[in-house]
Amino acid sequence: MSIELMPFLSFMFITTYTPGPNNISSASMGILYGYRKTLGYLVGISTGFFLVMMLCAFLSHSLLMVLPQAESYLRWVGAAYILWLAWSILRSGAAKADTKEDPQAFAKGFALQLFNPKVAVYGLTIYSTFLASIVGRIDYLALSAMILALNTFMAISTWAMFGAAIRSRLENETFRKVVNAVLAAMLVYTAISLLGVV
């Protein structure tokens, strides 16, 4: 078993902490609900992420053969979902600190993983390259998926805390609209890049 640790860690941290659907939507949830009410969303993302990583680990070899036919469909479904997230962020109102409203966050975070082709491509890349030597070991696969999900939880928590930290500034409607527009634009760019347009 041979794992090139430094390239793997570099890839893992760079791809996990840079802007993408999970991070941007976590920042938006932090802005709207604060960190504590966003925890369900973060746990939903991490749980769904773990599940997708396990599926990618088990199916990496056979899925790579099927992926050329499914890739286009996954990209369009994922891009549509990400564009819906962008639209939701763009039209969202002021922060809801004292609201009793349940953001139904766990289900939304979990669903994002199922429709986020970036996560599937990430998992397939990791398990078909960096971690290809452990694909036959279920214990190593489960441990690696847990580590990847924990790293994802740390990344999305960082983005959600950033969102929560700037929420008081978002009482200024102009500032809030600018932040929402920037977050939405980042998601639109993510969706367009998934489709291979840019």
C-alpha atoms as a PDB file:
ATOM      1  CA  MET A   1       0.000   0.000   0.000  1.00  0.00           C
ATOM      2  CA  SER A   2       1.534   3.258  -1.154  1.00  0.00           C
ATOM      3  CA  ILE A   3      -0.031   6.677  -0.630  1.00  0.00           C
ATOM      4  CA  GLU A   4       1.765   9.848  -1.650  1.00  0.00           C
ATOM      5  CA  LEU A   5       0.745  11.822   1.408  1.00  0.00           C
ATOM      6  CA  MET A   6       1.814  15.383   0.530  1.00  0.00           C
ATOM      7  CA  PRO A   7       0.117  15.537  -2.900  1.00  0.00           C
ATOM      8  CA  PHE A   8      -2.992  13.926  -1.406  1.00  0.00           C
ATOM      9  CA  LEU A   9      -3.160  16.374   1.517  1.00  0.00           C
ATOM     10  CA  SER A  10      -2.524  19.334  -0.778  1.00  0.00           C
ATOM     11  CA  PHE A  11      -5.337  18.251  -3.094  1.00  0.00           C
ATOM     12  CA  MET A  12      -7.675  17.525  -0.176  1.00  0.00           C
ATOM     13  CA  PHE A  13      -7.188  20.853   1.593  1.00  0.00           C
ATOM     14  CA  ILE A  14      -7.163  23.038  -1.507  1.00  0.00           C
ATOM     15  CA  THR A  15     -10.311  21.511  -2.983  1.00  0.00           C
ATOM     16  CA  THR A  16     -12.141  21.388   0.341  1.00  0.00           C
ATOM     17  CA  TYR A  17     -11.514  24.947   1.523  1.00  0.00           C
ATOM     18  CA  THR A  18     -11.888  26.825  -1.774  1.00  0.00           C
ATOM     19  CA  PRO A  19     -15.281  28.222  -2.840  1.00  0.00           C
ATOM     20  CA  GLY A  20     -17.787  25.674  -4.043  1.00  0.00           C
ATOM     21  CA  PRO A  21     -21.434  24.790  -3.390  1.00  0.00           C
ATOM     22  CA  ASN A  22     -20.821  23.398   0.116  1.00  0.00           C
ATOM     23  CA  ASN A  23     -18.705  26.300   1.334  1.00  0.00           C
ATOM     24  CA  ILE A  24     -20.715  29.090  -0.248  1.00  0.00           C
ATOM     25  CA  SER A  25     -24.073  27.712   0.881  1.00  0.00           C
ATOM     26  CA  SER A  26     -22.642  27.170   4.395  1.00  0.00           C
ATOM     27  CA  ALA A  27     -21.561  30.821   4.515  1.00  0.00           C
ATOM     28  CA  SER A  28     -25.052  31.817   3.399  1.00  0.00           C
ATOM     29  CA  MET A  29     -26.697  29.655   6.082  1.00  0.00           C
ATOM     30  CA  GLY A  30     -24.345  31.159   8.682  1.00  0.00           C
ATOM     31  CA  ILE A  31     -25.425  34.611   7.554  1.00  0.00           C
ATOM     32  CA  LEU A  32     -29.132  33.768   7.675  1.00  0.00           C
ATOM     33  CA  TYR A  33     -29.338  31.651  10.819  1.00  0.00           C
ATOM     34  CA  GLY A  34     -26.079  32.000  12.744  1.00  0.00           C
ATOM     35  CA  TYR A  35     -23.648  29.171  13.370  1.00  0.00           C
ATOM     36  CA  ARG A  36     -25.704  27.221  15.929  1.00  0.00           C
ATOM     37  CA  LYS A  37     -28.814  26.978  13.735  1.00  0.00           C
ATOM     38  CA  THR A  38     -26.585  26.097  10.776  1.00  0.00           C
ATOM     39  CA  LEU A  39     -25.117  23.029  12.506  1.00  0.00           C
ATOM     40  CA  GLY A  40     -27.875  20.759  11.166  1.00  0.00           C
ATOM     41  CA  TYR A  41     -27.019  21.856   7.641  1.00  0.00           C
ATOM     42  CA  LEU A  42     -23.317  21.238   8.261  1.00  0.00           C
ATOM     43  CA  VAL A  43     -24.013  17.780   9.685  1.00  0.00           C
ATOM     44  CA  GLY A  44     -26.255  17.037   6.684  1.00  0.00           C
ATOM     45  CA  ILE A  45     -23.463  18.023   4.297  1.00  0.00           C
ATOM     46  CA  SER A  46     -20.911  15.955   6.211  1.00  0.00           C
ATOM     47  CA  THR A  47     -23.198  12.908   6.399  1.00  0.00           C
ATOM     48  CA  GLY A  48     -24.046  13.074   2.704  1.00  0.00           C
ATOM     49  CA  PHE A  49     -20.384  13.671   1.897  1.00  0.00           C
ATOM     50  CA  PHE A  50     -19.396  10.549   3.861  1.00  0.00           C
ATOM     51  CA  LEU A  51     -22.004   8.500   1.996  1.00  0.00           C
ATOM     52  CA  VAL A  52     -20.847   9.773  -1.403  1.00  0.00           C
ATOM     53  CA  MET A  53     -17.193   9.100  -0.489  1.00  0.00           C
ATOM     54  CA  MET A  54     -18.062   5.517   0.482  1.00  0.00           C
ATOM     55  CA  LEU A  55     -19.941   5.027  -2.781  1.00  0.00           C
ATOM     56  CA  CYS A  56     -17.047   6.511  -4.757  1.00  0.00           C
ATOM     57  CA  ALA A  57     -14.588   4.299  -2.919  1.00  0.00           C
ATOM     58  CA  PHE A  58     -16.565   1.108  -3.597  1.00  0.00           C
ATOM     59  CA  LEU A  59     -17.441   1.950  -7.169  1.00  0.00           C
ATOM     60  CA  SER A  60     -14.418   3.908  -8.373  1.00  0.00           C
ATOM     61  CA  HIS A  61     -13.184   1.336 -10.864  1.00  0.00           C
ATOM     62  CA  SER A  62     -16.527   0.321 -12.343  1.00  0.00           C
ATOM     63  CA  LEU A  63     -18.004   3.816 -12.133  1.00  0.00           C
ATOM     64  CA  LEU A  64     -15.108   5.217 -14.119  1.00  0.00           C
ATOM     65  CA  MET A  65     -16.265   3.025 -17.004  1.00  0.00           C
ATOM     66  CA  VAL A  66     -19.888   4.185 -16.666  1.00  0.00           C
ATOM     67  CA  LEU A  67     -19.091   7.814 -15.873  1.00  0.00           C
ATOM     68  CA  PRO A  68     -18.515   8.943 -19.462  1.00  0.00           C
ATOM     69  CA  GLN A  69     -22.179   8.199 -20.238  1.00  0.00           C
ATOM     70  CA  ALA A  70     -23.491   9.577 -16.916  1.00  0.00           C
ATOM     71  CA  GLU A  71     -21.147  12.533 -16.578  1.00  0.00           C
ATOM     72  CA  SER A  72     -23.148  14.909 -18.784  1.00  0.00           C
ATOM     73  CA  TYR A  73     -26.412  14.119 -16.973  1.00  0.00           C
ATOM     74  CA  LEU A  74     -24.777  14.548 -13.542  1.00  0.00           C
ATOM     75  CA  ARG A  75     -23.286  17.869 -14.582  1.00  0.00           C
ATOM     76  CA  TRP A  76     -26.650  19.251 -15.776  1.00  0.00           C
ATOM     77  CA  VAL A  77     -28.545  18.070 -12.692  1.00  0.00           C
ATOM     78  CA  GLY A  78     -25.804  19.388 -10.419  1.00  0.00           C
ATOM     79  CA  ALA A  79     -25.578  22.713 -12.253  1.00  0.00           C
ATOM     80  CA  ALA A  80     -29.363  23.153 -12.049  1.00  0.00           C
ATOM     81  CA  TYR A  81     -29.335  22.507  -8.291  1.00  0.00           C
ATOM     82  CA  ILE A  82     -26.418  24.898  -7.775  1.00  0.00           C
ATOM     83  CA  LEU A  83     -28.210  27.578  -9.820  1.00  0.00           C
ATOM     84  CA  TRP A  84     -31.281  27.086  -7.628  1.00  0.00           C
ATOM     85  CA  LEU A  85     -29.046  27.625  -4.566  1.00  0.00           C
ATOM     86  CA  ALA A  86     -27.651  30.795  -6.168  1.00  0.00           C
ATOM     87  CA  TRP A  87     -31.179  32.083  -6.836  1.00  0.00           C
ATOM     88  CA  SER A  88     -32.204  31.317  -3.246  1.00  0.00           C
ATOM     89  CA  ILE A  89     -29.196  33.195  -1.876  1.00  0.00           C
ATOM     90  CA  LEU A  90     -29.725  36.152  -4.197  1.00  0.00           C
ATOM     91  CA  ARG A  91     -33.322  36.672  -3.113  1.00  0.00           C
ATOM     92  CA  SER A  92     -32.809  35.881   0.582  1.00  0.00           C
ATOM     93  CA  GLY A  93     -33.698  38.564   3.069  1.00  0.00           C
ATOM     94  CA  ALA A  94     -32.065  39.791   6.228  1.00  0.00           C
ATOM     95  CA  ALA A  95     -30.568  37.478   8.831  1.00  0.00           C
ATOM     96  CA  LYS A  96     -33.093  35.508  10.844  1.00  0.00           C
ATOM     97  CA  ALA A  97     -31.412  35.451  14.248  1.00  0.00           C
ATOM     98  CA  ASP A  98     -34.523  35.241  16.381  1.00  0.00           C
ATOM     99  CA  THR A  99     -36.737  33.283  14.038  1.00  0.00           C
ATOM    100  CA  LYS A 100     -38.424  30.106  15.198  1.00  0.00           C
ATOM    101  CA  GLU A 101     -38.439  28.946  11.583  1.00  0.00           C
ATOM    102  CA  ASP A 102     -36.860  25.540  11.074  1.00  0.00           C
ATOM    103  CA  PRO A 103     -34.451  25.792   8.161  1.00  0.00           C
ATOM    104  CA  GLN A 104     -34.852  22.010   7.534  1.00  0.00           C
ATOM    105  CA  ALA A 105     -31.145  22.180   7.264  1.00  0.00           C
ATOM    106  CA  PHE A 106     -30.050  18.549   7.578  1.00  0.00           C
ATOM    107  CA  ALA A 107     -32.104  17.411   4.580  1.00  0.00           C
ATOM    108  CA  LYS A 108     -30.948  20.347   2.452  1.00  0.00           C
ATOM    109  CA  GLY A 109     -27.282  19.760   3.294  1.00  0.00           C
ATOM    110  CA  PHE A 110     -27.599  16.033   2.674  1.00  0.00           C
ATOM    111  CA  ALA A 111     -29.406  16.559  -0.657  1.00  0.00           C
ATOM    112  CA  LEU A 112     -26.725  18.983  -1.805  1.00  0.00           C
ATOM    113  CA  GLN A 113     -24.203  16.134  -1.690  1.00  0.00           C
ATOM    114  CA  LEU A 114     -26.383  13.861  -3.804  1.00  0.00           C
ATOM    115  CA  PHE A 115     -26.753  16.516  -6.528  1.00  0.00           C
ATOM    116  CA  ASN A 116     -23.276  18.010  -6.311  1.00  0.00           C
ATOM    117  CA  PRO A 117     -21.155  16.500  -9.083  1.00  0.00           C
ATOM    118  CA  LYS A 118     -18.095  18.241  -7.624  1.00  0.00           C
ATOM    119  CA  VAL A 119     -18.311  15.842  -4.662  1.00  0.00           C
ATOM    120  CA  ALA A 120     -18.597  12.782  -6.918  1.00  0.00           C
ATOM    121  CA  VAL A 121     -15.712  13.929  -9.098  1.00  0.00           C
ATOM    122  CA  TYR A 122     -13.689  14.714  -5.959  1.00  0.00           C
ATOM    123  CA  GLY A 123     -14.355  11.225  -4.556  1.00  0.00           C
ATOM    124  CA  LEU A 124     -13.625   9.471  -7.828  1.00  0.00           C
ATOM    125  CA  THR A 125     -10.402  11.438  -8.205  1.00  0.00           C
ATOM    126  CA  ILE A 126      -9.235  10.629  -4.694  1.00  0.00           C
ATOM    127  CA  TYR A 127     -10.142   6.933  -4.796  1.00  0.00           C
ATOM    128  CA  SER A 128      -8.909   6.290  -8.311  1.00  0.00           C
ATOM    129  CA  THR A 129      -5.592   8.109  -7.832  1.00  0.00           C
ATOM    130  CA  PHE A 130      -4.332   9.051  -4.371  1.00  0.00           C
ATOM    131  CA  LEU A 131      -6.073   6.243  -2.475  1.00  0.00           C
ATOM    132  CA  ALA A 132      -6.265   3.608  -5.215  1.00  0.00           C
ATOM    133  CA  SER A 133      -4.046   1.295  -3.165  1.00  0.00           C
ATOM    134  CA  ILE A 134      -6.667   0.986  -0.386  1.00  0.00           C
ATOM    135  CA  VAL A 135      -9.728   0.321  -2.559  1.00  0.00           C
ATOM    136  CA  GLY A 136      -9.732  -3.367  -1.568  1.00  0.00           C
ATOM    137  CA  ARG A 137      -9.774  -2.679   2.205  1.00  0.00           C
ATOM    138  CA  ILE A 138     -13.204  -1.787   3.599  1.00  0.00           C
ATOM    139  CA  ASP A 139     -11.736  -0.701   6.949  1.00  0.00           C
ATOM    140  CA  TYR A 140      -9.347   1.739   5.253  1.00  0.00           C
ATOM    141  CA  LEU A 141     -12.100   2.962   2.967  1.00  0.00           C
ATOM    142  CA  ALA A 142     -14.411   3.708   5.893  1.00  0.00           C
ATOM    143  CA  LEU A 143     -11.611   5.415   7.819  1.00  0.00           C
ATOM    144  CA  SER A 144     -10.582   7.516   4.807  1.00  0.00           C
ATOM    145  CA  ALA A 145     -14.207   8.524   4.126  1.00  0.00           C
ATOM    146  CA  MET A 146     -14.572   9.563   7.786  1.00  0.00           C
ATOM    147  CA  ILE A 147     -11.394  11.642   7.597  1.00  0.00           C
ATOM    148  CA  LEU A 148     -12.567  13.296   4.373  1.00  0.00           C
ATOM    149  CA  ALA A 149     -16.003  14.015   5.890  1.00  0.00           C
ATOM    150  CA  LEU A 150     -14.390  15.465   9.039  1.00  0.00           C
ATOM    151  CA  ASN A 151     -12.168  17.687   6.895  1.00  0.00           C
ATOM    152  CA  THR A 152     -15.264  18.803   4.999  1.00  0.00           C
ATOM    153  CA  PHE A 153     -17.040  19.587   8.272  1.00  0.00           C
ATOM    154  CA  MET A 154     -14.091  21.749   9.337  1.00  0.00           C
ATOM    155  CA  ALA A 155     -14.103  23.599   6.005  1.00  0.00           C
ATOM    156  CA  ILE A 156     -17.831  24.276   5.925  1.00  0.00           C
ATOM    157  CA  SER A 157     -17.744  25.265   9.609  1.00  0.00           C
ATOM    158  CA  THR A 158     -15.076  27.825   8.777  1.00  0.00           C
ATOM    159  CA  TRP A 159     -17.254  29.272   6.012  1.00  0.00           C
ATOM    160  CA  ALA A 160     -20.391  29.194   8.198  1.00  0.00           C
ATOM    161  CA  MET A 161     -18.555  30.965  11.036  1.00  0.00           C
ATOM    162  CA  PHE A 162     -17.405  33.594   8.564  1.00  0.00           C
ATOM    163  CA  GLY A 163     -21.021  34.069   7.517  1.00  0.00           C
ATOM    164  CA  ALA A 164     -22.174  34.269  11.129  1.00  0.00           C
ATOM    165  CA  ALA A 165     -19.391  36.752  11.933  1.00  0.00           C
ATOM    166  CA  ILE A 166     -20.531  39.216   9.288  1.00  0.00           C
ATOM    167  CA  ARG A 167     -24.268  38.879   9.949  1.00  0.00           C
ATOM    168  CA  SER A 168     -24.561  42.023  12.056  1.00  0.00           C
ATOM    169  CA  ARG A 169     -23.103  43.990   9.143  1.00  0.00           C
ATOM    170  CA  LEU A 170     -25.831  42.528   6.959  1.00  0.00           C
ATOM    171  CA  GLU A 171     -28.496  44.586   8.692  1.00  0.00           C
ATOM    172  CA  ASN A 172     -27.371  47.216   6.213  1.00  0.00           C
ATOM    173  CA  GLU A 173     -29.543  46.255   3.238  1.00  0.00           C
ATOM    174  CA  THR A 174     -27.070  47.469   0.623  1.00  0.00           C
ATOM    175  CA  PHE A 175     -24.203  45.489   2.168  1.00  0.00           C
ATOM    176  CA  ARG A 176     -26.424  42.393   2.456  1.00  0.00           C
ATOM    177  CA  LYS A 177     -27.452  42.616  -1.197  1.00  0.00           C
ATOM    178  CA  VAL A 178     -23.826  42.951  -2.282  1.00  0.00           C
ATOM    179  CA  VAL A 179     -22.757  39.930  -0.184  1.00  0.00           C
ATOM    180  CA  ASN A 180     -25.714  37.865  -1.462  1.00  0.00           C
ATOM    181  CA  ALA A 181     -24.912  38.869  -5.041  1.00  0.00           C
ATOM    182  CA  VAL A 182     -21.244  37.887  -4.627  1.00  0.00           C
ATOM    183  CA  LEU A 183     -22.153  34.519  -3.074  1.00  0.00           C
ATOM    184  CA  ALA A 184     -24.759  33.897  -5.793  1.00  0.00           C
ATOM    185  CA  ALA A 185     -22.292  34.877  -8.516  1.00  0.00           C
ATOM    186  CA  MET A 186     -19.732  32.434  -7.116  1.00  0.00           C
ATOM    187  CA  LEU A 187     -22.326  29.667  -7.270  1.00  0.00           C
ATOM    188  CA  VAL A 188     -23.320  30.627 -10.819  1.00  0.00           C
ATOM    189  CA  TYR A 189     -19.658  30.465 -11.824  1.00  0.00           C
ATOM    190  CA  THR A 190     -19.400  27.035 -10.155  1.00  0.00           C
ATOM    191  CA  ALA A 191     -22.455  25.800 -12.077  1.00  0.00           C
ATOM    192  CA  ILE A 192     -21.157  27.168 -15.394  1.00  0.00           C
ATOM    193  CA  SER A 193     -17.716  25.645 -14.841  1.00  0.00           C
ATOM    194  CA  LEU A 194     -19.346  22.277 -14.083  1.00  0.00           C
ATOM    195  CA  LEU A 195     -20.925  22.408 -17.509  1.00  0.00           C
ATOM    196  CA  GLY A 196     -17.556  23.075 -19.078  1.00  0.00           C
ATOM    197  CA  VAL A 197     -18.570  26.449 -20.472  1.00  0.00           C
ATOM    198  CA  VAL A 198     -15.630  28.272 -18.837  1.00  0.00           C
END
